[in-house]
Amino acid sequence: MNFIETKNLSFSYDNEKVVVKNINLNIEKGKHTAILGHNGSGKSTLAKLLCGILIPTEGDVVVKGYNTKDEEHFYDIRRSCGMVFQNPDNQIVASVVEEDVAFAPENLGVLPDQIRKIVDESLATVNMTEYKLHSTYKLSGGQKQRVAIAGMLAMQPDCIIFDEATAMLDPIGRKEIMEAVHKLNTELEITVITITHYMSEAVEADRVIVMNRGEIVMDDDPVGIFSQAEEIKSYGLALPQVTEMFFRLNKEGFNLPRGVLHTMKAADIIEKYVKEKI
């Protein structure tokens, strides 16, 4: 079942250069989709179109059966599909963690006793319960981003789009956020779309889409995408570190499988290869 559908989708800012060109795309409910592309490829603009922040110049975006051009269903779309941005400071609106998470349900008219339950559950999901009374301004980058995710969860969306949500974080912060994303998708069955520059994040998705100059140029599962090393590189993108290592070894004459994405699998393959050569 598709949660988001686009039909002949195009977009330009101020009717000038077309940033997104004639995209036809279906996002399946409950799946994790990663969208890759170099700077200026149109991936962040596409993300904003998919959740109704931007309205198509041409074509349509349908979210949970609602066309984003239909102003009558503006709030239905907003509640169904949320977005977490690169800088969490742009989304945090309160000085205390639990007050920030409560902001959305309060404004939606949710009853106080229900708000308490929603806030507690949302903070527990991102492992921030012990910080509920802390000042938001004293949190680390990763903690702030988890609060932003909790605030989004408080709206009980069906889909969350992460627009380079780990770009400003250190490795520990990125790990925390990706663990939260994995939990949202696998345990809560929330549809997840990640816009990212980090290949280590893309390999964890069910599906990877590559954009270039406003168009979708590759669309497959992670193994299928990263097996095509030369094509990925032609779009100005890197390979996951393990995949890059195998790519270079094969260029030197080794006969190793393509599309290896994870370190432990790579270690097993190399161990087997060495034993066969001894």
Protein backbone atom coordinates (compact mmCIF):
# COMPACT_ATOMS: atom_id res chain seq x y z
CA MET A 1 0.00 0.00 0.00
CA ASN A 2 1.39 3.41 -0.99
CA PHE A 3 1.42 6.16 1.61
CA ILE A 4 2.75 8.90 -0.71
CA GLU A 5 2.35 9.12 -4.47
CA THR A 6 3.68 11.75 -6.86
CA LYS A 7 2.42 12.19 -10.42
CA ASN A 8 4.44 14.17 -12.97
CA LEU A 9 5.81 16.26 -10.10
CA SER A 10 7.82 19.37 -10.97
CA PHE A 11 8.79 22.39 -8.90
CA SER A 12 10.60 25.67 -9.43
CA TYR A 13 11.26 28.55 -7.07
CA ASP A 14 9.72 31.81 -8.37
CA ASN A 15 9.05 30.11 -11.72
CA GLU A 16 12.73 30.19 -12.58
CA LYS A 17 15.05 27.17 -12.68
CA VAL A 18 13.20 23.84 -12.36
CA VAL A 19 14.55 22.13 -9.21
CA VAL A 20 12.44 18.95 -9.35
CA LYS A 21 11.60 17.55 -12.78
CA ASN A 22 8.65 15.32 -13.69
CA ILE A 23 8.97 12.82 -10.84
CA ASN A 24 6.66 9.84 -10.55
CA LEU A 25 7.25 8.13 -7.23
CA ASN A 26 5.45 5.85 -4.79
CA ILE A 27 6.48 5.59 -1.12
CA GLU A 28 5.22 2.37 0.42
CA LYS A 29 3.60 2.51 3.85
CA GLY A 30 5.79 1.23 6.69
CA LYS A 31 9.01 1.19 4.66
CA HIS A 32 12.27 3.10 5.17
CA THR A 33 13.38 5.00 2.06
CA ALA A 34 16.68 6.88 1.79
CA ILE A 35 17.14 9.66 -0.76
CA LEU A 36 20.69 10.53 -1.84
CA GLY A 37 22.12 13.24 -4.05
CA HIS A 38 24.87 15.85 -4.12
CA ASN A 39 24.19 19.43 -3.07
CA GLY A 40 21.69 21.04 -5.43
CA SER A 41 20.30 17.72 -6.69
CA GLY A 42 16.79 18.61 -5.47
CA LYS A 43 16.49 16.03 -2.70
CA SER A 44 15.59 18.48 0.10
CA THR A 45 13.10 20.25 -2.15
CA LEU A 46 11.54 16.88 -2.94
CA ALA A 47 11.30 16.13 0.79
CA LYS A 48 9.40 19.36 1.40
CA LEU A 49 7.07 18.54 -1.48
CA LEU A 50 6.38 15.06 -0.13
CA CYS A 51 5.03 16.39 3.16
CA GLY A 52 3.19 19.41 1.78
CA ILE A 53 5.54 22.16 2.97
CA LEU A 54 5.95 23.11 -0.69
CA ILE A 55 3.20 22.86 -3.31
CA PRO A 56 4.03 21.50 -6.80
CA THR A 57 4.47 23.91 -9.69
CA GLU A 58 3.21 21.09 -11.91
CA GLY A 59 1.82 17.65 -11.15
CA ASP A 60 0.52 16.31 -7.85
CA VAL A 61 1.58 14.90 -4.50
CA VAL A 62 -0.93 12.69 -2.69
CA VAL A 63 -0.32 11.95 1.01
CA LYS A 64 -2.54 9.33 2.64
CA GLY A 65 -5.12 9.98 -0.06
CA TYR A 66 -5.00 13.78 0.32
CA ASN A 67 -3.68 16.00 -2.49
CA THR A 68 -1.28 18.59 -1.03
CA LYS A 69 -2.90 21.24 -3.24
CA ASP A 70 -6.19 20.75 -1.38
CA GLU A 71 -6.19 23.42 1.35
CA GLU A 72 -9.19 21.78 3.01
CA HIS A 73 -6.95 18.87 4.08
CA PHE A 74 -3.91 20.96 5.07
CA TYR A 75 -3.99 19.85 8.72
CA ASP A 76 -4.75 16.23 7.85
CA ILE A 77 -1.55 16.14 5.79
CA ARG A 78 0.46 17.92 8.48
CA ARG A 79 -0.64 15.42 11.12
CA SER A 80 -0.01 12.44 8.83
CA CYS A 81 3.45 13.41 7.65
CA GLY A 82 5.98 15.35 9.72
CA MET A 83 9.50 16.56 9.08
CA VAL A 84 12.66 16.74 11.20
CA PHE A 85 15.18 19.29 9.94
CA GLN A 86 18.95 19.56 10.01
CA ASN A 87 19.12 22.06 12.88
CA PRO A 88 17.01 21.01 15.92
CA ASP A 89 17.14 24.56 17.30
CA ASN A 90 14.78 25.55 14.48
CA GLN A 91 12.12 23.14 15.79
CA ILE A 92 12.43 23.44 19.57
CA VAL A 93 9.97 26.05 20.86
CA ALA A 94 10.04 25.62 24.66
CA SER A 95 12.76 25.93 27.31
CA VAL A 96 11.88 22.66 29.08
CA VAL A 97 11.99 19.28 27.30
CA GLU A 98 8.54 17.97 28.26
CA GLU A 99 6.92 21.34 27.53
CA ASP A 100 8.40 21.30 24.05
CA VAL A 101 7.06 17.80 23.34
CA ALA A 102 3.64 18.84 24.70
CA PHE A 103 3.45 21.91 22.45
CA ALA A 104 1.87 20.19 19.42
CA PRO A 105 -0.82 18.15 21.20
CA GLU A 106 -1.75 21.18 23.32
CA ASN A 107 -2.32 23.23 20.18
CA LEU A 108 -4.31 20.39 18.64
CA GLY A 109 -6.72 20.51 21.58
CA VAL A 110 -5.78 17.16 23.12
CA LEU A 111 -7.06 16.68 26.68
CA PRO A 112 -4.46 17.26 29.47
CA ASP A 113 -4.44 13.67 30.78
CA GLN A 114 -3.91 12.37 27.24
CA ILE A 115 -1.12 14.91 26.67
CA ARG A 116 0.74 13.54 29.71
CA LYS A 117 0.56 10.02 28.30
CA ILE A 118 1.59 11.13 24.79
CA VAL A 119 4.58 13.12 26.11
CA ASP A 120 5.78 10.25 28.31
CA GLU A 121 5.48 7.71 25.49
CA SER A 122 7.18 10.00 22.95
CA LEU A 123 10.14 10.69 25.25
CA ALA A 124 10.46 7.00 26.13
CA THR A 125 10.60 6.07 22.44
CA VAL A 126 13.69 8.25 21.90
CA ASN A 127 15.24 7.40 25.32
CA MET A 128 14.88 10.93 26.69
CA THR A 129 12.61 10.30 29.70
CA GLU A 130 15.30 11.17 32.24
CA TYR A 131 15.75 14.57 30.60
CA LYS A 132 12.07 15.58 30.61
CA LEU A 133 12.59 18.40 33.13
CA HIS A 134 15.92 19.57 31.67
CA SER A 135 16.45 22.82 29.84
CA THR A 136 16.38 22.27 26.07
CA TYR A 137 19.20 24.76 25.62
CA LYS A 138 21.61 22.72 27.72
CA LEU A 139 21.25 19.51 25.74
CA SER A 140 23.79 18.13 23.28
CA GLY A 141 23.07 18.24 19.55
CA GLY A 142 22.00 14.60 19.50
CA GLN A 143 19.75 15.06 22.53
CA LYS A 144 18.12 18.14 20.98
CA GLN A 145 17.44 16.20 17.79
CA ARG A 146 15.85 13.40 19.82
CA VAL A 147 13.61 15.98 21.51
CA ALA A 148 12.64 17.28 18.06
CA ILE A 149 11.75 13.71 17.04
CA ALA A 150 9.73 13.25 20.25
CA GLY A 151 7.86 16.47 19.45
CA MET A 152 7.05 15.06 16.04
CA LEU A 153 5.94 11.72 17.56
CA ALA A 154 3.57 13.60 19.86
CA MET A 155 1.51 14.44 16.77
CA GLN A 156 1.23 10.68 16.15
CA PRO A 157 2.17 10.83 12.45
CA ASP A 158 2.13 7.95 10.00
CA CYS A 159 5.30 9.18 8.28
CA ILE A 160 8.38 11.17 9.33
CA ILE A 161 10.83 12.71 6.87
CA PHE A 162 14.36 13.37 8.17
CA ASP A 163 16.00 16.11 6.10
CA GLU A 164 19.73 15.61 6.80
CA ALA A 165 18.80 15.37 10.47
CA THR A 166 22.26 14.06 11.45
CA ALA A 167 24.34 16.50 9.39
CA MET A 168 25.24 18.75 12.34
CA LEU A 169 25.94 15.93 14.79
CA ASP A 170 29.10 14.13 15.87
CA PRO A 171 29.37 10.34 15.34
CA ILE A 172 27.81 9.57 18.73
CA GLY A 173 24.88 11.90 18.03
CA ARG A 174 24.38 10.37 14.56
CA LYS A 175 24.35 6.88 16.07
CA GLU A 176 21.70 7.94 18.63
CA ILE A 177 19.44 9.39 15.94
CA MET A 178 19.77 6.43 13.59
CA GLU A 179 18.93 4.03 16.43
CA ALA A 180 15.80 6.13 17.09
CA VAL A 181 14.91 6.11 13.38
CA HIS A 182 15.31 2.33 13.23
CA LYS A 183 13.05 1.93 16.27
CA LEU A 184 10.36 4.20 14.79
CA ASN A 185 10.33 2.19 11.58
CA THR A 186 10.65 -1.38 12.84
CA GLU A 187 8.75 -1.21 16.15
CA LEU A 188 6.19 1.56 15.60
CA GLU A 189 5.86 0.82 11.85
CA ILE A 190 6.16 4.51 10.96
CA THR A 191 6.99 5.21 7.33
CA VAL A 192 10.46 6.80 7.29
CA ILE A 193 12.16 8.86 4.59
CA THR A 194 15.74 9.96 5.22
CA ILE A 195 17.54 12.61 3.17
CA THR A 196 21.21 12.05 3.86
CA HIS A 197 24.83 12.47 2.77
CA TYR A 198 25.96 9.55 4.93
CA MET A 199 26.12 6.25 3.07
CA SER A 200 26.25 4.35 6.37
CA GLU A 201 22.70 5.63 6.98
CA ALA A 202 21.47 4.81 3.49
CA VAL A 203 22.53 1.15 3.71
CA GLU A 204 20.08 0.62 6.58
CA ALA A 205 17.07 1.60 4.44
CA ASP A 206 14.76 -0.76 2.58
CA ARG A 207 15.09 1.33 -0.57
CA VAL A 208 17.57 3.90 -1.87
CA ILE A 209 16.73 6.62 -4.39
CA VAL A 210 19.46 8.69 -6.05
CA MET A 211 18.71 12.15 -7.43
CA ASN A 212 20.71 14.21 -9.89
CA ARG A 213 19.74 17.59 -11.35
CA GLY A 214 16.19 17.31 -10.07
CA GLU A 215 15.52 13.84 -11.47
CA ILE A 216 15.52 10.31 -10.05
CA VAL A 217 18.40 8.49 -11.72
CA MET A 218 18.63 5.33 -9.57
CA ASP A 219 16.05 3.46 -7.51
CA ASP A 220 16.73 0.06 -5.90
CA ASP A 221 17.48 -1.66 -2.61
CA PRO A 222 20.86 -0.76 -0.99
CA VAL A 223 22.71 -3.77 -2.43
CA GLY A 224 21.42 -3.01 -5.92
CA ILE A 225 22.39 0.66 -5.67
CA PHE A 226 25.88 0.26 -4.20
CA SER A 227 26.75 -2.65 -6.50
CA GLN A 228 26.83 -0.02 -9.26
CA ALA A 229 29.91 1.72 -7.91
CA GLU A 230 30.94 3.53 -11.10
CA GLU A 231 27.48 4.99 -11.63
CA ILE A 232 27.18 6.14 -8.00
CA LYS A 233 30.55 7.89 -8.29
CA SER A 234 29.49 9.55 -11.56
CA TYR A 235 26.80 11.42 -9.61
CA GLY A 236 29.34 12.83 -7.18
CA LEU A 237 28.51 10.41 -4.38
CA ALA A 238 30.72 8.20 -2.26
CA LEU A 239 30.35 4.52 -1.49
CA PRO A 240 30.01 3.05 2.00
CA GLN A 241 33.56 2.51 3.34
CA VAL A 242 33.43 -1.29 3.13
CA THR A 243 31.95 -1.16 -0.38
CA GLU A 244 34.68 1.27 -1.45
CA MET A 245 37.37 -1.06 -0.09
CA PHE A 246 35.99 -4.02 -2.04
CA PHE A 247 35.67 -1.85 -5.15
CA ARG A 248 39.37 -0.89 -4.96
CA LEU A 249 40.48 -4.46 -4.26
CA ASN A 250 38.58 -5.70 -7.32
CA LYS A 251 40.27 -3.02 -9.44
CA GLU A 252 43.58 -4.50 -8.28
CA GLY A 253 42.56 -7.93 -9.56
CA PHE A 254 40.81 -9.53 -6.61
CA ASN A 255 37.56 -11.36 -7.28
CA LEU A 256 35.32 -10.23 -4.44
CA PRO A 257 31.52 -9.78 -4.49
CA ARG A 258 30.03 -6.40 -5.23
CA GLY A 259 27.51 -4.60 -3.03
CA VAL A 260 28.96 -5.65 0.33
CA LEU A 261 27.64 -3.05 2.79
CA HIS A 262 28.52 -4.15 6.32
CA THR A 263 31.83 -4.61 8.11
CA MET A 264 31.18 -8.04 9.62
CA LYS A 265 30.06 -9.53 6.32
CA ALA A 266 33.15 -8.05 4.68
CA ALA A 267 35.36 -9.59 7.37
CA ASP A 268 33.78 -13.02 6.80
CA ILE A 269 34.31 -12.77 3.03
CA ILE A 270 37.94 -11.73 3.38
CA GLU A 271 38.63 -14.46 5.94
CA LYS A 272 37.16 -17.08 3.60
CA TYR A 273 39.11 -15.64 0.64
CA VAL A 274 42.42 -15.77 2.53
CA LYS A 275 41.84 -19.34 3.73
CA GLU A 276 41.14 -20.47 0.17
CA LYS A 277 44.41 -18.92 -1.01
CA ILE A 278 46.55 -20.52 1.69
